[in-house]
Amino acid sequence: MDNFPTEQAFNFLKWLFNPVTISTLSVYGTSIGFAGRWAWKKLEAKQNKDLANMKSDIKDLSNNVNDSMLMIQRDMLRLQIITGINSGRLSAGEVTMLYDQYKDKGGNSYISRIVNDYLEETLDAKHSK
């Protein structure tokens, strides 16, 4: 009975170094390696596609935020111009400065007409005095 573990170990090593066992294990190992690389490439391709989609979504979101900020800035300038003209608190120079900023942000013809009318009235008022 003392020889039993030694005999078992010897039989295992004999089986392990048998040419049939070595070739079988190498075939399995190679097959598992190919399957692993194939699965990895599939996973990597899906991950790259998902990353590209996320980058596109982030870019779209960033563009939307930038557009919203531009619209808010333009609306604030429009309100400052209209309120300043109607209240008489803005000089012609201040209105012109705000209007230039408004135009840079994509202003519209309605405000252009209001500003031009105000500047004409201001100019006419100065000449009449």
N, C-alpha and C. Protein backbone atom coordinates (compact mmCIF):
# COMPACT_ATOMS: atom_id res chain seq x y z
N MET A 1 0.81 -1.19 0.00
CA MET A 1 0.00 0.00 0.00
C MET A 1 0.86 1.25 0.00
N ASP A 2 2.09 1.16 0.47
CA ASP A 2 2.96 2.33 0.47
C ASP A 2 3.32 2.77 -0.94
N ASN A 3 3.32 1.86 -1.90
CA ASN A 3 3.68 2.17 -3.27
C ASN A 3 2.52 2.77 -4.06
N PHE A 4 1.32 2.73 -3.51
CA PHE A 4 0.14 3.16 -4.25
C PHE A 4 0.23 4.62 -4.75
N PRO A 5 0.55 5.65 -3.92
CA PRO A 5 0.64 7.02 -4.45
C PRO A 5 1.78 7.17 -5.45
N THR A 6 2.88 6.51 -5.24
CA THR A 6 4.01 6.61 -6.17
C THR A 6 3.63 5.97 -7.50
N GLU A 7 2.96 4.85 -7.41
CA GLU A 7 2.53 4.17 -8.63
C GLU A 7 1.52 5.01 -9.40
N GLN A 8 0.61 5.63 -8.67
CA GLN A 8 -0.38 6.52 -9.30
C GLN A 8 0.32 7.69 -10.00
N ALA A 9 1.28 8.30 -9.33
CA ALA A 9 2.01 9.43 -9.90
C ALA A 9 2.78 8.99 -11.14
N PHE A 10 3.40 7.83 -11.07
CA PHE A 10 4.16 7.31 -12.21
C PHE A 10 3.23 7.05 -13.40
N ASN A 11 2.08 6.45 -13.13
CA ASN A 11 1.11 6.18 -14.21
C ASN A 11 0.59 7.50 -14.82
N PHE A 12 0.37 8.48 -13.95
CA PHE A 12 -0.10 9.78 -14.46
C PHE A 12 0.95 10.41 -15.37
N LEU A 13 2.22 10.40 -14.95
CA LEU A 13 3.29 10.98 -15.77
C LEU A 13 3.46 10.21 -17.07
N LYS A 14 3.35 8.89 -16.99
CA LYS A 14 3.43 8.07 -18.18
C LYS A 14 2.31 8.44 -19.16
N TRP A 15 1.10 8.63 -18.61
CA TRP A 15 -0.02 9.03 -19.46
C TRP A 15 0.19 10.43 -20.03
N LEU A 16 0.70 11.34 -19.19
CA LEU A 16 0.88 12.73 -19.60
C LEU A 16 1.91 12.86 -20.71
N PHE A 17 2.98 12.10 -20.67
CA PHE A 17 4.03 12.21 -21.67
C PHE A 17 3.85 11.23 -22.83
N ASN A 18 2.71 10.60 -22.91
CA ASN A 18 2.38 9.73 -24.03
C ASN A 18 2.18 10.61 -25.26
N PRO A 19 2.73 10.28 -26.44
CA PRO A 19 2.57 11.10 -27.65
C PRO A 19 1.11 11.35 -28.02
N VAL A 20 0.24 10.41 -27.81
CA VAL A 20 -1.18 10.59 -28.13
C VAL A 20 -1.77 11.65 -27.22
N THR A 21 -1.44 11.60 -25.93
CA THR A 21 -1.96 12.59 -24.98
C THR A 21 -1.42 13.97 -25.31
N ILE A 22 -0.14 14.05 -25.61
CA ILE A 22 0.46 15.36 -25.93
C ILE A 22 -0.20 15.94 -27.18
N SER A 23 -0.38 15.14 -28.21
CA SER A 23 -1.01 15.67 -29.43
C SER A 23 -2.46 16.06 -29.19
N THR A 24 -3.17 15.27 -28.40
CA THR A 24 -4.56 15.59 -28.09
C THR A 24 -4.66 16.89 -27.31
N LEU A 25 -3.80 17.04 -26.30
CA LEU A 25 -3.81 18.29 -25.51
C LEU A 25 -3.41 19.49 -26.36
N SER A 26 -2.47 19.31 -27.29
CA SER A 26 -2.08 20.44 -28.13
C SER A 26 -3.21 20.84 -29.08
N VAL A 27 -3.95 19.84 -29.59
CA VAL A 27 -5.10 20.15 -30.46
C VAL A 27 -6.16 20.90 -29.67
N TYR A 28 -6.46 20.41 -28.46
CA TYR A 28 -7.43 21.12 -27.62
C TYR A 28 -6.95 22.51 -27.26
N GLY A 29 -5.69 22.62 -26.90
CA GLY A 29 -5.13 23.92 -26.53
C GLY A 29 -5.18 24.90 -27.68
N THR A 30 -4.81 24.42 -28.87
CA THR A 30 -4.85 25.29 -30.07
C THR A 30 -6.29 25.69 -30.38
N SER A 31 -7.20 24.74 -30.30
CA SER A 31 -8.61 25.04 -30.58
C SER A 31 -9.16 26.05 -29.59
N ILE A 32 -8.84 25.87 -28.33
CA ILE A 32 -9.30 26.82 -27.31
C ILE A 32 -8.68 28.19 -27.55
N GLY A 33 -7.39 28.20 -27.97
CA GLY A 33 -6.73 29.47 -28.27
C GLY A 33 -7.39 30.20 -29.42
N PHE A 34 -7.70 29.46 -30.51
CA PHE A 34 -8.39 30.08 -31.65
C PHE A 34 -9.77 30.58 -31.26
N ALA A 35 -10.49 29.76 -30.51
CA ALA A 35 -11.84 30.16 -30.07
C ALA A 35 -11.76 31.40 -29.17
N GLY A 36 -10.77 31.41 -28.30
CA GLY A 36 -10.60 32.56 -27.41
C GLY A 36 -10.28 33.84 -28.19
N ARG A 37 -9.36 33.72 -29.17
CA ARG A 37 -9.02 34.90 -29.98
C ARG A 37 -10.22 35.36 -30.80
N TRP A 38 -11.00 34.42 -31.35
CA TRP A 38 -12.18 34.78 -32.13
C TRP A 38 -13.19 35.51 -31.25
N ALA A 39 -13.43 34.94 -30.06
CA ALA A 39 -14.39 35.57 -29.13
C ALA A 39 -13.90 36.94 -28.71
N TRP A 40 -12.60 37.08 -28.48
CA TRP A 40 -12.02 38.36 -28.07
C TRP A 40 -12.20 39.41 -29.16
N LYS A 41 -11.94 39.00 -30.42
CA LYS A 41 -12.10 39.94 -31.54
C LYS A 41 -13.55 40.38 -31.68
N LYS A 42 -14.49 39.44 -31.50
CA LYS A 42 -15.91 39.80 -31.57
C LYS A 42 -16.28 40.79 -30.46
N LEU A 43 -15.80 40.49 -29.26
CA LEU A 43 -16.08 41.36 -28.13
C LEU A 43 -15.45 42.73 -28.32
N GLU A 44 -14.24 42.76 -28.83
CA GLU A 44 -13.54 44.02 -29.07
C GLU A 44 -14.25 44.85 -30.15
N ALA A 45 -14.71 44.18 -31.21
CA ALA A 45 -15.44 44.88 -32.27
C ALA A 45 -16.73 45.50 -31.74
N LYS A 46 -17.46 44.75 -30.91
CA LYS A 46 -18.69 45.29 -30.33
C LYS A 46 -18.38 46.47 -29.42
N GLN A 47 -17.33 46.32 -28.64
CA GLN A 47 -16.94 47.40 -27.73
C GLN A 47 -16.55 48.65 -28.51
N ASN A 48 -15.80 48.49 -29.59
CA ASN A 48 -15.40 49.64 -30.41
C ASN A 48 -16.62 50.31 -31.04
N LYS A 49 -17.58 49.51 -31.48
CA LYS A 49 -18.81 50.07 -32.05
C LYS A 49 -19.58 50.85 -30.99
N ASP A 50 -19.69 50.27 -29.80
CA ASP A 50 -20.39 50.96 -28.71
C ASP A 50 -19.70 52.26 -28.34
N LEU A 51 -18.36 52.25 -28.31
CA LEU A 51 -17.61 53.47 -28.00
C LEU A 51 -17.83 54.54 -29.07
N ALA A 52 -17.84 54.12 -30.33
CA ALA A 52 -18.08 55.08 -31.42
C ALA A 52 -19.48 55.69 -31.28
N ASN A 53 -20.47 54.86 -30.93
CA ASN A 53 -21.83 55.38 -30.73
C ASN A 53 -21.89 56.36 -29.56
N MET A 54 -21.18 56.03 -28.48
CA MET A 54 -21.17 56.93 -27.32
C MET A 54 -20.50 58.26 -27.66
N LYS A 55 -19.40 58.19 -28.42
CA LYS A 55 -18.71 59.42 -28.82
C LYS A 55 -19.64 60.28 -29.67
N SER A 56 -20.37 59.65 -30.57
CA SER A 56 -21.31 60.37 -31.42
C SER A 56 -22.42 61.01 -30.58
N ASP A 57 -22.94 60.25 -29.62
CA ASP A 57 -23.99 60.79 -28.74
C ASP A 57 -23.48 61.96 -27.91
N ILE A 58 -22.26 61.84 -27.41
CA ILE A 58 -21.67 62.93 -26.62
C ILE A 58 -21.47 64.16 -27.49
N LYS A 59 -21.01 63.97 -28.72
CA LYS A 59 -20.81 65.10 -29.63
C LYS A 59 -22.15 65.78 -29.93
N ASP A 60 -23.19 64.98 -30.19
CA ASP A 60 -24.52 65.54 -30.45
C ASP A 60 -25.03 66.32 -29.23
N LEU A 61 -24.84 65.75 -28.05
CA LEU A 61 -25.27 66.42 -26.82
C LEU A 61 -24.51 67.72 -26.63
N SER A 62 -23.21 67.70 -26.88
CA SER A 62 -22.39 68.90 -26.76
C SER A 62 -22.86 69.98 -27.74
N ASN A 63 -23.15 69.57 -28.97
CA ASN A 63 -23.66 70.53 -29.97
C ASN A 63 -24.99 71.12 -29.53
N ASN A 64 -25.87 70.29 -28.97
CA ASN A 64 -27.16 70.78 -28.49
C ASN A 64 -26.99 71.78 -27.35
N VAL A 65 -26.06 71.48 -26.45
CA VAL A 65 -25.81 72.40 -25.33
C VAL A 65 -25.25 73.72 -25.87
N ASN A 66 -24.31 73.64 -26.81
CA ASN A 66 -23.73 74.86 -27.39
C ASN A 66 -24.80 75.68 -28.10
N ASP A 67 -25.67 75.01 -28.86
CA ASP A 67 -26.76 75.72 -29.54
C ASP A 67 -27.70 76.38 -28.54
N SER A 68 -28.00 75.66 -27.47
CA SER A 68 -28.88 76.22 -26.43
C SER A 68 -28.24 77.43 -25.75
N MET A 69 -26.96 77.33 -25.47
CA MET A 69 -26.25 78.46 -24.84
C MET A 69 -26.25 79.67 -25.77
N LEU A 70 -26.01 79.45 -27.05
CA LEU A 70 -26.02 80.54 -28.01
C LEU A 70 -27.41 81.19 -28.07
N MET A 71 -28.45 80.37 -28.06
CA MET A 71 -29.81 80.90 -28.10
C MET A 71 -30.11 81.71 -26.83
N ILE A 72 -29.67 81.21 -25.69
CA ILE A 72 -29.90 81.94 -24.43
C ILE A 72 -29.15 83.26 -24.44
N GLN A 73 -27.91 83.26 -24.90
CA GLN A 73 -27.13 84.51 -24.96
C GLN A 73 -27.80 85.50 -25.91
N ARG A 74 -28.25 85.00 -27.06
CA ARG A 74 -28.92 85.88 -28.04
C ARG A 74 -30.21 86.45 -27.46
N ASP A 75 -30.98 85.61 -26.76
CA ASP A 75 -32.23 86.08 -26.15
C ASP A 75 -31.97 87.12 -25.06
N MET A 76 -30.91 86.90 -24.27
CA MET A 76 -30.57 87.88 -23.23
C MET A 76 -30.18 89.22 -23.85
N LEU A 77 -29.39 89.17 -24.91
CA LEU A 77 -29.01 90.42 -25.59
C LEU A 77 -30.23 91.10 -26.19
N ARG A 78 -31.11 90.32 -26.80
CA ARG A 78 -32.33 90.87 -27.38
C ARG A 78 -33.17 91.57 -26.32
N LEU A 79 -33.32 90.91 -25.16
CA LEU A 79 -34.09 91.52 -24.08
C LEU A 79 -33.42 92.78 -23.54
N GLN A 80 -32.09 92.75 -23.43
CA GLN A 80 -31.38 93.96 -22.97
C GLN A 80 -31.58 95.11 -23.95
N ILE A 81 -31.50 94.81 -25.23
CA ILE A 81 -31.67 95.87 -26.24
C ILE A 81 -33.08 96.44 -26.18
N ILE A 82 -34.09 95.57 -26.22
CA ILE A 82 -35.48 96.05 -26.24
C ILE A 82 -35.81 96.79 -24.94
N THR A 83 -35.44 96.21 -23.80
CA THR A 83 -35.73 96.85 -22.52
C THR A 83 -34.97 98.18 -22.40
N GLY A 84 -33.72 98.19 -22.81
CA GLY A 84 -32.92 99.42 -22.73
C GLY A 84 -33.46 100.52 -23.62
N ILE A 85 -33.91 100.15 -24.81
CA ILE A 85 -34.49 101.16 -25.72
C ILE A 85 -35.81 101.67 -25.16
N ASN A 86 -36.69 100.74 -24.76
CA ASN A 86 -38.02 101.15 -24.27
C ASN A 86 -37.94 101.95 -22.97
N SER A 87 -36.97 101.65 -22.13
CA SER A 87 -36.86 102.40 -20.87
C SER A 87 -36.04 103.68 -21.03
N GLY A 88 -35.30 103.79 -22.12
CA GLY A 88 -34.46 104.96 -22.33
C GLY A 88 -33.18 104.92 -21.51
N ARG A 89 -32.84 103.79 -20.93
CA ARG A 89 -31.65 103.69 -20.09
C ARG A 89 -30.36 103.49 -20.88
N LEU A 90 -30.46 103.07 -22.14
CA LEU A 90 -29.25 102.82 -22.94
C LEU A 90 -29.00 103.95 -23.91
N SER A 91 -27.74 104.33 -24.01
CA SER A 91 -27.36 105.33 -25.01
C SER A 91 -27.26 104.66 -26.36
N ALA A 92 -27.12 105.47 -27.39
CA ALA A 92 -26.99 104.93 -28.74
C ALA A 92 -25.74 104.05 -28.85
N GLY A 93 -24.66 104.43 -28.17
CA GLY A 93 -23.43 103.65 -28.19
C GLY A 93 -23.61 102.29 -27.51
N GLU A 94 -24.33 102.29 -26.40
CA GLU A 94 -24.58 101.03 -25.69
C GLU A 94 -25.47 100.10 -26.52
N VAL A 95 -26.49 100.69 -27.16
CA VAL A 95 -27.38 99.89 -28.01
C VAL A 95 -26.59 99.30 -29.18
N THR A 96 -25.72 100.12 -29.77
CA THR A 96 -24.90 99.64 -30.89
C THR A 96 -23.97 98.51 -30.45
N MET A 97 -23.36 98.64 -29.27
CA MET A 97 -22.46 97.62 -28.76
C MET A 97 -23.22 96.30 -28.53
N LEU A 98 -24.38 96.38 -27.88
CA LEU A 98 -25.18 95.18 -27.64
C LEU A 98 -25.68 94.57 -28.95
N TYR A 99 -26.05 95.45 -29.88
CA TYR A 99 -26.55 94.97 -31.17
C TYR A 99 -25.44 94.24 -31.95
N ASP A 100 -24.22 94.74 -31.89
CA ASP A 100 -23.10 94.07 -32.56
C ASP A 100 -22.89 92.67 -31.97
N GLN A 101 -22.99 92.57 -30.66
CA GLN A 101 -22.86 91.26 -30.02
C GLN A 101 -24.01 90.35 -30.44
N TYR A 102 -25.18 90.93 -30.53
CA TYR A 102 -26.38 90.18 -30.93
C TYR A 102 -26.22 89.65 -32.36
N LYS A 103 -25.74 90.49 -33.27
CA LYS A 103 -25.53 90.07 -34.66
C LYS A 103 -24.49 88.95 -34.73
N ASP A 104 -23.43 89.04 -33.93
CA ASP A 104 -22.40 88.00 -33.93
C ASP A 104 -22.96 86.65 -33.52
N LYS A 105 -24.03 86.66 -32.75
CA LYS A 105 -24.64 85.43 -32.29
C LYS A 105 -25.82 85.01 -33.18
N GLY A 106 -25.98 85.70 -34.31
CA GLY A 106 -27.00 85.30 -35.28
C GLY A 106 -28.32 86.02 -35.12
N GLY A 107 -28.29 87.31 -34.90
CA GLY A 107 -29.51 88.09 -34.69
C GLY A 107 -30.50 88.01 -35.84
N ASN A 108 -31.64 88.70 -35.69
CA ASN A 108 -32.66 88.65 -36.73
C ASN A 108 -33.07 90.05 -37.17
N SER A 109 -33.88 90.12 -38.21
CA SER A 109 -34.24 91.40 -38.83
C SER A 109 -35.17 92.23 -37.93
N TYR A 110 -35.95 91.60 -37.08
CA TYR A 110 -36.85 92.35 -36.20
C TYR A 110 -36.04 93.27 -35.29
N ILE A 111 -35.02 92.74 -34.66
CA ILE A 111 -34.18 93.56 -33.77
C ILE A 111 -33.40 94.58 -34.60
N SER A 112 -32.97 94.20 -35.79
CA SER A 112 -32.26 95.15 -36.66
C SER A 112 -33.14 96.36 -36.93
N ARG A 113 -34.40 96.12 -37.23
CA ARG A 113 -35.33 97.21 -37.52
C ARG A 113 -35.53 98.09 -36.28
N ILE A 114 -35.68 97.47 -35.11
CA ILE A 114 -35.87 98.24 -33.86
C ILE A 114 -34.64 99.10 -33.58
N VAL A 115 -33.45 98.50 -33.70
CA VAL A 115 -32.21 99.24 -33.42
C VAL A 115 -32.02 100.36 -34.42
N ASN A 116 -32.24 100.07 -35.71
CA ASN A 116 -32.07 101.12 -36.73
C ASN A 116 -33.05 102.27 -36.51
N ASP A 117 -34.30 101.94 -36.18
CA ASP A 117 -35.29 102.99 -35.90
C ASP A 117 -34.85 103.82 -34.68
N TYR A 118 -34.38 103.16 -33.63
CA TYR A 118 -33.94 103.86 -32.43
C TYR A 118 -32.75 104.77 -32.73
N LEU A 119 -31.79 104.25 -33.49
CA LEU A 119 -30.60 105.06 -33.81
C LEU A 119 -30.98 106.25 -34.69
N GLU A 120 -31.92 106.06 -35.62
CA GLU A 120 -32.38 107.18 -36.46
C GLU A 120 -33.08 108.23 -35.60
N GLU A 121 -33.93 107.78 -34.68
CA GLU A 121 -34.64 108.71 -33.80
C GLU A 121 -33.65 109.46 -32.93
N THR A 122 -32.66 108.76 -32.41
CA THR A 122 -31.66 109.39 -31.55
C THR A 122 -30.85 110.40 -32.36
N LEU A 123 -30.47 110.05 -33.56
CA LEU A 123 -29.71 110.94 -34.42
C LEU A 123 -30.55 112.16 -34.82
N ASP A 124 -31.82 111.91 -35.17
CA ASP A 124 -32.72 113.01 -35.52
C ASP A 124 -32.94 113.94 -34.33
N ALA A 125 -33.06 113.38 -33.13
CA ALA A 125 -33.26 114.19 -31.92
C ALA A 125 -32.04 115.06 -31.66
N LYS A 126 -30.85 114.56 -31.92
CA LYS A 126 -29.63 115.35 -31.71
C LYS A 126 -29.55 116.48 -32.73
N HIS A 127 -29.96 116.20 -33.96
CA HIS A 127 -29.87 117.23 -35.01
C HIS A 127 -30.95 118.29 -34.84
N SER A 128 -32.09 117.93 -34.24
CA SER A 128 -33.13 118.91 -34.07
C SER A 128 -32.81 119.89 -32.96
N LYS A 129 -31.94 119.51 -32.05
CA LYS A 129 -31.64 120.41 -30.92
C LYS A 129 -30.78 121.50 -31.37
